[in-house]
Amino acid sequence: RDEGLSAEAAALVPKWEVGVHIADVGHFIKAGTPIDEEAAARATTVYLVDRRIDMVPKRLGEELCSLHQGVDRLAFSVMWRMAEDGTVLATRFAKTVIRSRRAF
């Protein structure tokens, strides 16, 4: 789990704030290191019927960078301020600390 979604009524009703949050793997993996180069070559975690081939080491992918329920995690986030009809009124990007309330 390396991404999360948030939605809440904003202070300026009838507007909403919707956010997408991606785990900040770059905080743990520095550019140009062997782990970075291997992760770039793999590009993604591959899920097979009987196993998975992780993009990053297990400790990072399943523990430190995974957005576990109830645990603070570093993330990159984009938040949209939206009108009731879904029109995007403003966009904001930020490095954040998030705490997942629920994991599926």
PDB file of N, CA and C in Angstrom:
ATOM      1  N   ARG A   1       0.835  -1.176   0.000  1.00  0.00           N
ATOM      2  CA  ARG A   1       0.000   0.000   0.000  1.00  0.00           C
ATOM      3  C   ARG A   1       0.875   1.231   0.000  1.00  0.00           C
ATOM      4  N   ASP A   2       0.959   1.867  -1.126  1.00  0.00           N
ATOM      5  CA  ASP A   2       1.803   3.059  -1.169  1.00  0.00           C
ATOM      6  C   ASP A   2       1.059   4.289  -1.645  1.00  0.00           C
ATOM      7  N   GLU A   3      -0.268   4.221  -1.671  1.00  0.00           N
ATOM      8  CA  GLU A   3      -1.045   5.397  -2.035  1.00  0.00           C
ATOM      9  C   GLU A   3      -2.298   5.462  -1.174  1.00  0.00           C
ATOM     10  N   GLY A   4      -2.775   6.697  -0.979  1.00  0.00           N
ATOM     11  CA  GLY A   4      -3.967   6.893  -0.180  1.00  0.00           C
ATOM     12  C   GLY A   4      -4.840   7.969  -0.799  1.00  0.00           C
ATOM     13  N   LEU A   5      -6.077   8.018  -0.380  1.00  0.00           N
ATOM     14  CA  LEU A   5      -7.045   8.985  -0.876  1.00  0.00           C
ATOM     15  C   LEU A   5      -7.717   9.639   0.323  1.00  0.00           C
ATOM     16  N   SER A   6      -7.914  10.943   0.240  1.00  0.00           N
ATOM     17  CA  SER A   6      -8.641  11.642   1.298  1.00  0.00           C
ATOM     18  C   SER A   6      -9.693  12.537   0.671  1.00  0.00           C
ATOM     19  N   ALA A   7     -10.769  12.757   1.397  1.00  0.00           N
ATOM     20  CA  ALA A   7     -11.818  13.669   0.949  1.00  0.00           C
ATOM     21  C   ALA A   7     -12.512  14.217   2.184  1.00  0.00           C
ATOM     22  N   GLU A   8     -12.669  15.519   2.216  1.00  0.00           N
ATOM     23  CA  GLU A   8     -13.374  16.123   3.338  1.00  0.00           C
ATOM     24  C   GLU A   8     -13.996  17.445   2.914  1.00  0.00           C
ATOM     25  N   ALA A   9     -15.064  17.800   3.597  1.00  0.00           N
ATOM     26  CA  ALA A   9     -15.695  19.086   3.332  1.00  0.00           C
ATOM     27  C   ALA A   9     -14.736  20.173   3.783  1.00  0.00           C
ATOM     28  N   ALA A  10     -14.479  21.132   2.915  1.00  0.00           N
ATOM     29  CA  ALA A  10     -13.570  22.228   3.235  1.00  0.00           C
ATOM     30  C   ALA A  10     -14.304  23.296   4.037  1.00  0.00           C
ATOM     31  N   ALA A  11     -13.544  24.169   4.678  1.00  0.00           N
ATOM     32  CA  ALA A  11     -14.135  25.225   5.503  1.00  0.00           C
ATOM     33  C   ALA A  11     -15.050  26.136   4.698  1.00  0.00           C
ATOM     34  N   LEU A  12     -14.762  26.309   3.434  1.00  0.00           N
ATOM     35  CA  LEU A  12     -15.550  27.194   2.580  1.00  0.00           C
ATOM     36  C   LEU A  12     -16.604  26.403   1.823  1.00  0.00           C
ATOM     37  N   VAL A  13     -17.624  25.951   2.532  1.00  0.00           N
ATOM     38  CA  VAL A  13     -18.700  25.165   1.923  1.00  0.00           C
ATOM     39  C   VAL A  13     -19.338  25.995   0.809  1.00  0.00           C
ATOM     40  N   PRO A  14     -19.690  25.458  -0.353  1.00  0.00           N
ATOM     41  CA  PRO A  14     -19.875  24.038  -0.666  1.00  0.00           C
ATOM     42  C   PRO A  14     -18.666  23.414  -1.336  1.00  0.00           C
ATOM     43  N   LYS A  15     -17.488  23.691  -0.887  1.00  0.00           N
ATOM     44  CA  LYS A  15     -16.291  23.163  -1.527  1.00  0.00           C
ATOM     45  C   LYS A  15     -15.776  21.941  -0.785  1.00  0.00           C
ATOM     46  N   TRP A  16     -15.032  21.116  -1.510  1.00  0.00           N
ATOM     47  CA  TRP A  16     -14.428  19.904  -0.966  1.00  0.00           C
ATOM     48  C   TRP A  16     -12.925  19.963  -1.163  1.00  0.00           C
ATOM     49  N   GLU A  17     -12.195  19.240  -0.316  1.00  0.00           N
ATOM     50  CA  GLU A  17     -10.770  19.041  -0.558  1.00  0.00           C
ATOM     51  C   GLU A  17     -10.558  17.549  -0.743  1.00  0.00           C
ATOM     52  N   VAL A  18     -10.026  17.180  -1.908  1.00  0.00           N
ATOM     53  CA  VAL A  18      -9.752  15.792  -2.244  1.00  0.00           C
ATOM     54  C   VAL A  18      -8.241  15.667  -2.416  1.00  0.00           C
ATOM     55  N   GLY A  19      -7.656  14.642  -1.819  1.00  0.00           N
ATOM     56  CA  GLY A  19      -6.212  14.471  -1.899  1.00  0.00           C
ATOM     57  C   GLY A  19      -5.813  13.072  -2.324  1.00  0.00           C
ATOM     58  N   VAL A  20      -4.710  12.992  -3.040  1.00  0.00           N
ATOM     59  CA  VAL A  20      -4.077  11.714  -3.361  1.00  0.00           C
ATOM     60  C   VAL A  20      -2.681  11.777  -2.751  1.00  0.00           C
ATOM     61  N   HIS A  21      -2.321  10.755  -2.014  1.00  0.00           N
ATOM     62  CA  HIS A  21      -1.084  10.732  -1.245  1.00  0.00           C
ATOM     63  C   HIS A  21      -0.269   9.502  -1.633  1.00  0.00           C
ATOM     64  N   ILE A  22       0.972   9.716  -2.011  1.00  0.00           N
ATOM     65  CA  ILE A  22       1.863   8.639  -2.448  1.00  0.00           C
ATOM     66  C   ILE A  22       3.035   8.563  -1.460  1.00  0.00           C
ATOM     67  N   ALA A  23       3.370   7.370  -1.009  1.00  0.00           N
ATOM     68  CA  ALA A  23       4.474   7.197  -0.069  1.00  0.00           C
ATOM     69  C   ALA A  23       5.754   7.822  -0.605  1.00  0.00           C
ATOM     70  N   ASP A  24       6.480   8.524   0.252  1.00  0.00           N
ATOM     71  CA  ASP A  24       7.720   9.219  -0.130  1.00  0.00           C
ATOM     72  C   ASP A  24       8.904   8.262  -0.045  1.00  0.00           C
ATOM     73  N   VAL A  25       9.026   7.395  -1.035  1.00  0.00           N
ATOM     74  CA  VAL A  25      10.128   6.430  -1.079  1.00  0.00           C
ATOM     75  C   VAL A  25      11.466   7.148  -1.224  1.00  0.00           C
ATOM     76  N   GLY A  26      11.465   8.297  -1.897  1.00  0.00           N
ATOM     77  CA  GLY A  26      12.689   9.068  -2.105  1.00  0.00           C
ATOM     78  C   GLY A  26      13.337   9.553  -0.820  1.00  0.00           C
ATOM     79  N   HIS A  27      12.584   9.609   0.255  1.00  0.00           N
ATOM     80  CA  HIS A  27      13.174   9.987   1.547  1.00  0.00           C
ATOM     81  C   HIS A  27      14.165   8.920   2.010  1.00  0.00           C
ATOM     82  N   PHE A  28      13.895   7.683   1.645  1.00  0.00           N
ATOM     83  CA  PHE A  28      14.728   6.561   2.078  1.00  0.00           C
ATOM     84  C   PHE A  28      15.734   6.105   1.027  1.00  0.00           C
ATOM     85  N   ILE A  29      15.445   6.368  -0.238  1.00  0.00           N
ATOM     86  CA  ILE A  29      16.328   5.941  -1.327  1.00  0.00           C
ATOM     87  C   ILE A  29      16.861   7.181  -2.042  1.00  0.00           C
ATOM     88  N   LYS A  30      18.122   7.412  -1.925  1.00  0.00           N
ATOM     89  CA  LYS A  30      18.731   8.591  -2.539  1.00  0.00           C
ATOM     90  C   LYS A  30      19.066   8.328  -4.007  1.00  0.00           C
ATOM     91  N   ALA A  31      18.925   9.361  -4.810  1.00  0.00           N
ATOM     92  CA  ALA A  31      19.179   9.271  -6.253  1.00  0.00           C
ATOM     93  C   ALA A  31      20.606   8.805  -6.537  1.00  0.00           C
ATOM     94  N   GLY A  32      20.729   7.907  -7.509  1.00  0.00           N
ATOM     95  CA  GLY A  32      22.038   7.442  -7.956  1.00  0.00           C
ATOM     96  C   GLY A  32      22.640   6.311  -7.151  1.00  0.00           C
ATOM     97  N   THR A  33      21.979   5.891  -6.083  1.00  0.00           N
ATOM     98  CA  THR A  33      22.505   4.779  -5.288  1.00  0.00           C
ATOM     99  C   THR A  33      22.165   3.458  -5.986  1.00  0.00           C
ATOM    100  N   PRO A  34      22.844   2.381  -5.630  1.00  0.00           N
ATOM    101  CA  PRO A  34      22.514   1.091  -6.251  1.00  0.00           C
ATOM    102  C   PRO A  34      21.045   0.692  -6.083  1.00  0.00           C
ATOM    103  N   ILE A  35      20.456   0.969  -4.928  1.00  0.00           N
ATOM    104  CA  ILE A  35      19.038   0.638  -4.722  1.00  0.00           C
ATOM    105  C   ILE A  35      18.171   1.455  -5.675  1.00  0.00           C
ATOM    106  N   ASP A  36      18.489   2.728  -5.855  1.00  0.00           N
ATOM    107  CA  ASP A  36      17.744   3.594  -6.778  1.00  0.00           C
ATOM    108  C   ASP A  36      17.853   3.066  -8.208  1.00  0.00           C
ATOM    109  N   GLU A  37      19.043   2.705  -8.617  1.00  0.00           N
ATOM    110  CA  GLU A  37      19.248   2.213  -9.981  1.00  0.00           C
ATOM    111  C   GLU A  37      18.509   0.892 -10.218  1.00  0.00           C
ATOM    112  N   GLU A  38      18.521  -0.005  -9.229  1.00  0.00           N
ATOM    113  CA  GLU A  38      17.803  -1.278  -9.360  1.00  0.00           C
ATOM    114  C   GLU A  38      16.296  -1.043  -9.407  1.00  0.00           C
ATOM    115  N   ALA A  39      15.795  -0.153  -8.551  1.00  0.00           N
ATOM    116  CA  ALA A  39      14.357   0.161  -8.548  1.00  0.00           C
ATOM    117  C   ALA A  39      13.940   0.776  -9.882  1.00  0.00           C
ATOM    118  N   ALA A  40      14.766   1.633 -10.449  1.00  0.00           N
ATOM    119  CA  ALA A  40      14.454   2.244 -11.749  1.00  0.00           C
ATOM    120  C   ALA A  40      14.415   1.189 -12.844  1.00  0.00           C
ATOM    121  N   ALA A  41      15.326   0.233 -12.781  1.00  0.00           N
ATOM    122  CA  ALA A  41      15.359  -0.834 -13.789  1.00  0.00           C
ATOM    123  C   ALA A  41      14.114  -1.727 -13.675  1.00  0.00           C
ATOM    124  N   ARG A  42      13.658  -1.971 -12.456  1.00  0.00           N
ATOM    125  CA  ARG A  42      12.476  -2.823 -12.263  1.00  0.00           C
ATOM    126  C   ARG A  42      11.179  -2.067 -12.561  1.00  0.00           C
ATOM    127  N   ALA A  43      11.146  -0.788 -12.270  1.00  0.00           N
ATOM    128  CA  ALA A  43      10.034   0.124 -12.570  1.00  0.00           C
ATOM    129  C   ALA A  43       8.777  -0.091 -11.730  1.00  0.00           C
ATOM    130  N   THR A  44       8.505  -1.293 -11.281  1.00  0.00           N
ATOM    131  CA  THR A  44       7.300  -1.560 -10.490  1.00  0.00           C
ATOM    132  C   THR A  44       7.451  -2.897  -9.778  1.00  0.00           C
ATOM    133  N   THR A  45       6.604  -3.139  -8.803  1.00  0.00           N
ATOM    134  CA  THR A  45       6.529  -4.452  -8.188  1.00  0.00           C
ATOM    135  C   THR A  45       5.658  -5.324  -9.093  1.00  0.00           C
ATOM    136  N   VAL A  46       6.125  -6.538  -9.364  1.00  0.00           N
ATOM    137  CA  VAL A  46       5.404  -7.454 -10.242  1.00  0.00           C
ATOM    138  C   VAL A  46       4.760  -8.543  -9.386  1.00  0.00           C
ATOM    139  N   TYR A  47       3.460  -8.728  -9.576  1.00  0.00           N
ATOM    140  CA  TYR A  47       2.715  -9.742  -8.830  1.00  0.00           C
ATOM    141  C   TYR A  47       2.428 -10.923  -9.742  1.00  0.00           C
ATOM    142  N   LEU A  48       2.938 -12.094  -9.360  1.00  0.00           N
ATOM    143  CA  LEU A  48       2.716 -13.332 -10.094  1.00  0.00           C
ATOM    144  C   LEU A  48       1.793 -14.225  -9.263  1.00  0.00           C
ATOM    145  N   VAL A  49       1.351 -15.304  -9.828  1.00  0.00           N
ATOM    146  CA  VAL A  49       0.429 -16.193  -9.129  1.00  0.00           C
ATOM    147  C   VAL A  49       1.041 -16.720  -7.836  1.00  0.00           C
ATOM    148  N   ASP A  50       2.312 -17.102  -7.882  1.00  0.00           N
ATOM    149  CA  ASP A  50       2.934 -17.750  -6.731  1.00  0.00           C
ATOM    150  C   ASP A  50       3.953 -16.906  -5.981  1.00  0.00           C
ATOM    151  N   ARG A  51       4.203 -15.687  -6.449  1.00  0.00           N
ATOM    152  CA  ARG A  51       5.191 -14.836  -5.758  1.00  0.00           C
ATOM    153  C   ARG A  51       5.115 -13.417  -6.314  1.00  0.00           C
ATOM    154  N   ARG A  52       5.894 -12.540  -5.701  1.00  0.00           N
ATOM    155  CA  ARG A  52       5.998 -11.181  -6.214  1.00  0.00           C
ATOM    156  C   ARG A  52       7.464 -10.794  -6.300  1.00  0.00           C
ATOM    157  N   ILE A  53       7.770  -9.919  -7.225  1.00  0.00           N
ATOM    158  CA  ILE A  53       9.128  -9.410  -7.412  1.00  0.00           C
ATOM    159  C   ILE A  53       9.065  -7.924  -7.060  1.00  0.00           C
ATOM    160  N   ASP A  54       9.620  -7.585  -5.916  1.00  0.00           N
ATOM    161  CA  ASP A  54       9.527  -6.226  -5.411  1.00  0.00           C
ATOM    162  C   ASP A  54      10.445  -5.260  -6.139  1.00  0.00           C
ATOM    163  N   MET A  55       9.969  -4.037  -6.302  1.00  0.00           N
ATOM    164  CA  MET A  55      10.773  -2.978  -6.910  1.00  0.00           C
ATOM    165  C   MET A  55      11.856  -2.517  -5.933  1.00  0.00           C
ATOM    166  N   VAL A  56      11.515  -2.470  -4.657  1.00  0.00           N
ATOM    167  CA  VAL A  56      12.453  -2.028  -3.623  1.00  0.00           C
ATOM    168  C   VAL A  56      12.581  -3.136  -2.583  1.00  0.00           C
ATOM    169  N   PRO A  57      13.622  -3.086  -1.744  1.00  0.00           N
ATOM    170  CA  PRO A  57      13.774  -4.108  -0.703  1.00  0.00           C
ATOM    171  C   PRO A  57      12.522  -4.211   0.177  1.00  0.00           C
ATOM    172  N   LYS A  58      12.258  -5.409   0.654  1.00  0.00           N
ATOM    173  CA  LYS A  58      11.051  -5.712   1.416  1.00  0.00           C
ATOM    174  C   LYS A  58      10.850  -4.771   2.607  1.00  0.00           C
ATOM    175  N   ARG A  59      11.896  -4.493   3.342  1.00  0.00           N
ATOM    176  CA  ARG A  59      11.771  -3.606   4.522  1.00  0.00           C
ATOM    177  C   ARG A  59      11.246  -2.237   4.135  1.00  0.00           C
ATOM    178  N   LEU A  60      11.655  -1.733   2.987  1.00  0.00           N
ATOM    179  CA  LEU A  60      11.143  -0.443   2.517  1.00  0.00           C
ATOM    180  C   LEU A  60       9.717  -0.575   1.986  1.00  0.00           C
ATOM    181  N   GLY A  61       9.515  -1.501   1.065  1.00  0.00           N
ATOM    182  CA  GLY A  61       8.238  -1.625   0.387  1.00  0.00           C
ATOM    183  C   GLY A  61       7.083  -2.054   1.271  1.00  0.00           C
ATOM    184  N   GLU A  62       7.344  -2.895   2.255  1.00  0.00           N
ATOM    185  CA  GLU A  62       6.265  -3.418   3.091  1.00  0.00           C
ATOM    186  C   GLU A  62       6.200  -2.780   4.469  1.00  0.00           C
ATOM    187  N   GLU A  63       7.257  -2.088   4.850  1.00  0.00           N
ATOM    188  CA  GLU A  63       7.268  -1.509   6.197  1.00  0.00           C
ATOM    189  C   GLU A  63       7.403   0.012   6.156  1.00  0.00           C
ATOM    190  N   LEU A  64       8.607   0.511   5.944  1.00  0.00           N
ATOM    191  CA  LEU A  64       8.875   1.945   6.081  1.00  0.00           C
ATOM    192  C   LEU A  64       8.094   2.833   5.120  1.00  0.00           C
ATOM    193  N   CYS A  65       7.851   2.371   3.911  1.00  0.00           N
ATOM    194  CA  CYS A  65       7.181   3.195   2.901  1.00  0.00           C
ATOM    195  C   CYS A  65       5.730   2.814   2.685  1.00  0.00           C
ATOM    196  N   SER A  66       5.254   1.819   3.384  1.00  0.00           N
ATOM    197  CA  SER A  66       3.872   1.388   3.213  1.00  0.00           C
ATOM    198  C   SER A  66       2.963   2.216   4.117  1.00  0.00           C
ATOM    199  N   LEU A  67       1.833   2.650   3.580  1.00  0.00           N
ATOM    200  CA  LEU A  67       0.905   3.497   4.329  1.00  0.00           C
ATOM    201  C   LEU A  67       0.002   2.635   5.210  1.00  0.00           C
ATOM    202  N   HIS A  68       0.540   2.201   6.343  1.00  0.00           N
ATOM    203  CA  HIS A  68      -0.202   1.349   7.268  1.00  0.00           C
ATOM    204  C   HIS A  68      -1.226   2.158   8.058  1.00  0.00           C
ATOM    205  N   GLN A  69      -2.343   1.547   8.347  1.00  0.00           N
ATOM    206  CA  GLN A  69      -3.409   2.181   9.103  1.00  0.00           C
ATOM    207  C   GLN A  69      -2.912   2.623  10.479  1.00  0.00           C
ATOM    208  N   GLY A  70      -3.183   3.888  10.826  1.00  0.00           N
ATOM    209  CA  GLY A  70      -2.855   4.404  12.147  1.00  0.00           C
ATOM    210  C   GLY A  70      -1.400   4.762  12.373  1.00  0.00           C
ATOM    211  N   VAL A  71      -0.578   4.749  11.326  1.00  0.00           N
ATOM    212  CA  VAL A  71       0.852   5.032  11.463  1.00  0.00           C
ATOM    213  C   VAL A  71       1.209   6.266  10.622  1.00  0.00           C
ATOM    214  N   ASP A  72       1.925   7.206  11.210  1.00  0.00           N
ATOM    215  CA  ASP A  72       2.375   8.379  10.459  1.00  0.00           C
ATOM    216  C   ASP A  72       3.392   7.966   9.407  1.00  0.00           C
ATOM    217  N   ARG A  73       3.226   8.482   8.188  1.00  0.00           N
ATOM    218  CA  ARG A  73       4.135   8.178   7.086  1.00  0.00           C
ATOM    219  C   ARG A  73       4.398   9.424   6.259  1.00  0.00           C
ATOM    220  N   LEU A  74       5.610   9.517   5.727  1.00  0.00           N
ATOM    221  CA  LEU A  74       5.966  10.602   4.817  1.00  0.00           C
ATOM    222  C   LEU A  74       5.333  10.330   3.462  1.00  0.00           C
ATOM    223  N   ALA A  75       4.832  11.394   2.822  1.00  0.00           N
ATOM    224  CA  ALA A  75       4.163  11.226   1.537  1.00  0.00           C
ATOM    225  C   ALA A  75       4.359  12.469   0.672  1.00  0.00           C
ATOM    226  N   PHE A  76       4.124  12.292  -0.620  1.00  0.00           N
ATOM    227  CA  PHE A  76       3.927  13.395  -1.553  1.00  0.00           C
ATOM    228  C   PHE A  76       2.432  13.441  -1.778  1.00  0.00           C
ATOM    229  N   SER A  77       1.862  14.623  -1.692  1.00  0.00           N
ATOM    230  CA  SER A  77       0.413  14.742  -1.813  1.00  0.00           C
ATOM    231  C   SER A  77       0.034  15.805  -2.823  1.00  0.00           C
ATOM    232  N   VAL A  78      -1.084  15.576  -3.474  1.00  0.00           N
ATOM    233  CA  VAL A  78      -1.725  16.603  -4.297  1.00  0.00           C
ATOM    234  C   VAL A  78      -3.141  16.737  -3.749  1.00  0.00           C
ATOM    235  N   MET A  79      -3.528  17.986  -3.488  1.00  0.00           N
ATOM    236  CA  MET A  79      -4.861  18.256  -2.964  1.00  0.00           C
ATOM    237  C   MET A  79      -5.577  19.194  -3.929  1.00  0.00           C
ATOM    238  N   TRP A  80      -6.823  18.855  -4.189  1.00  0.00           N
ATOM    239  CA  TRP A  80      -7.644  19.695  -5.060  1.00  0.00           C
ATOM    240  C   TRP A  80      -8.782  20.277  -4.245  1.00  0.00           C
ATOM    241  N   ARG A  81      -8.981  21.574  -4.344  1.00  0.00           N
ATOM    242  CA  ARG A  81     -10.171  22.219  -3.789  1.00  0.00           C
ATOM    243  C   ARG A  81     -11.204  22.149  -4.897  1.00  0.00           C
ATOM    244  N   MET A  82     -12.371  21.568  -4.600  1.00  0.00           N
ATOM    245  CA  MET A  82     -13.357  21.304  -5.647  1.00  0.00           C
ATOM    246  C   MET A  82     -14.727  21.862  -5.260  1.00  0.00           C
ATOM    247  N   ALA A  83     -15.458  22.309  -6.266  1.00  0.00           N
ATOM    248  CA  ALA A  83     -16.842  22.729  -6.079  1.00  0.00           C
ATOM    249  C   ALA A  83     -17.730  21.496  -6.022  1.00  0.00           C
ATOM    250  N   GLU A  84     -18.972  21.686  -5.613  1.00  0.00           N
ATOM    251  CA  GLU A  84     -19.926  20.575  -5.527  1.00  0.00           C
ATOM    252  C   GLU A  84     -20.075  19.816  -6.837  1.00  0.00           C
ATOM    253  N   ASP A  85     -19.931  20.521  -7.976  1.00  0.00           N
ATOM    254  CA  ASP A  85     -20.107  19.867  -9.282  1.00  0.00           C
ATOM    255  C   ASP A  85     -18.839  19.177  -9.780  1.00  0.00           C
ATOM    256  N   GLY A  86     -17.771  19.193  -8.972  1.00  0.00           N
ATOM    257  CA  GLY A  86     -16.523  18.540  -9.352  1.00  0.00           C
ATOM    258  C   GLY A  86     -15.514  19.441 -10.041  1.00  0.00           C
ATOM    259  N   THR A  87     -15.873  20.685 -10.273  1.00  0.00           N
ATOM    260  CA  THR A  87     -14.935  21.631 -10.886  1.00  0.00           C
ATOM    261  C   THR A  87     -13.761  21.872  -9.947  1.00  0.00           C
ATOM    262  N   VAL A  88     -12.538  21.755 -10.473  1.00  0.00           N
ATOM    263  CA  VAL A  88     -11.342  21.997  -9.670  1.00  0.00           C
ATOM    264  C   VAL A  88     -11.126  23.504  -9.565  1.00  0.00           C
ATOM    265  N   LEU A  89     -11.087  23.989  -8.331  1.00  0.00           N
ATOM    266  CA  LEU A  89     -10.921  25.411  -8.083  1.00  0.00           C
ATOM    267  C   LEU A  89      -9.469  25.773  -7.767  1.00  0.00           C
ATOM    268  N   ALA A  90      -8.733  24.845  -7.185  1.00  0.00           N
ATOM    269  CA  ALA A  90      -7.322  25.086  -6.847  1.00  0.00           C
ATOM    270  C   ALA A  90      -6.621  23.747  -6.682  1.00  0.00           C
ATOM    271  N   THR A  91      -5.315  23.745  -6.955  1.00  0.00           N
ATOM    272  CA  THR A  91      -4.493  22.548  -6.822  1.00  0.00           C
ATOM    273  C   THR A  91      -3.270  22.895  -5.987  1.00  0.00           C
ATOM    274  N   ARG A  92      -2.891  21.998  -5.091  1.00  0.00           N
ATOM    275  CA  ARG A  92      -1.720  22.227  -4.242  1.00  0.00           C
ATOM    276  C   ARG A  92      -0.933  20.919  -4.135  1.00  0.00           C
ATOM    277  N   PHE A  93       0.385  21.000  -4.303  1.00  0.00           N
ATOM    278  CA  PHE A  93       1.291  19.865  -4.135  1.00  0.00           C
ATOM    279  C   PHE A  93       2.108  20.109  -2.878  1.00  0.00           C
ATOM    280  N   ALA A  94       2.373  19.049  -2.101  1.00  0.00           N
ATOM    281  CA  ALA A  94       3.143  19.233  -0.868  1.00  0.00           C
ATOM    282  C   ALA A  94       3.769  17.924  -0.410  1.00  0.00           C
ATOM    283  N   LYS A  95       4.882  18.045   0.311  1.00  0.00           N
ATOM    284  CA  LYS A  95       5.413  16.921   1.067  1.00  0.00           C
ATOM    285  C   LYS A  95       4.624  16.929   2.362  1.00  0.00           C
ATOM    286  N   THR A  96       4.092  15.779   2.738  1.00  0.00           N
ATOM    287  CA  THR A  96       3.205  15.714   3.889  1.00  0.00           C
ATOM    288  C   THR A  96       3.553  14.552   4.801  1.00  0.00           C
ATOM    289  N   VAL A  97       2.941  14.552   5.969  1.00  0.00           N
ATOM    290  CA  VAL A  97       2.925  13.396   6.863  1.00  0.00           C
ATOM    291  C   VAL A  97       1.456  13.008   6.972  1.00  0.00           C
ATOM    292  N   ILE A  98       1.155  11.774   6.626  1.00  0.00           N
ATOM    293  CA  ILE A  98      -0.239  11.337   6.680  1.00  0.00           C
ATOM    294  C   ILE A  98      -0.378  10.148   7.616  1.00  0.00           C
ATOM    295  N   ARG A  99      -1.587   9.969   8.104  1.00  0.00           N
ATOM    296  CA  ARG A  99      -1.918   8.799   8.923  1.00  0.00           C
ATOM    297  C   ARG A  99      -3.181   8.186   8.328  1.00  0.00           C
ATOM    298  N   SER A 100      -3.044   7.025   7.749  1.00  0.00           N
ATOM    299  CA  SER A 100      -4.189   6.342   7.144  1.00  0.00           C
ATOM    300  C   SER A 100      -5.183   5.963   8.234  1.00  0.00           C
ATOM    301  N   ARG A 101      -6.432   6.279   8.007  1.00  0.00           N
ATOM    302  CA  ARG A 101      -7.479   5.899   8.961  1.00  0.00           C
ATOM    303  C   ARG A 101      -7.996   4.496   8.691  1.00  0.00           C
ATOM    304  N   ARG A 102      -7.879   4.102   7.439  1.00  0.00           N
ATOM    305  CA  ARG A 102      -8.420   2.797   7.051  1.00  0.00           C
ATOM    306  C   ARG A 102      -7.584   2.210   5.933  1.00  0.00           C
ATOM    307  N   ALA A 103      -7.328   0.936   5.981  1.00  0.00           N
ATOM    308  CA  ALA A 103      -6.598   0.241   4.922  1.00  0.00           C
ATOM    309  C   ALA A 103      -7.498  -0.850   4.365  1.00  0.00           C
ATOM    310  N   PHE A 104      -7.490  -1.034   3.060  1.00  0.00           N
ATOM    311  CA  PHE A 104      -8.331  -2.031   2.418  1.00  0.00           C
ATOM    312  C   PHE A 104      -7.485  -3.119   1.817  1.00  0.00           C
TER     313      PHE A 104
END
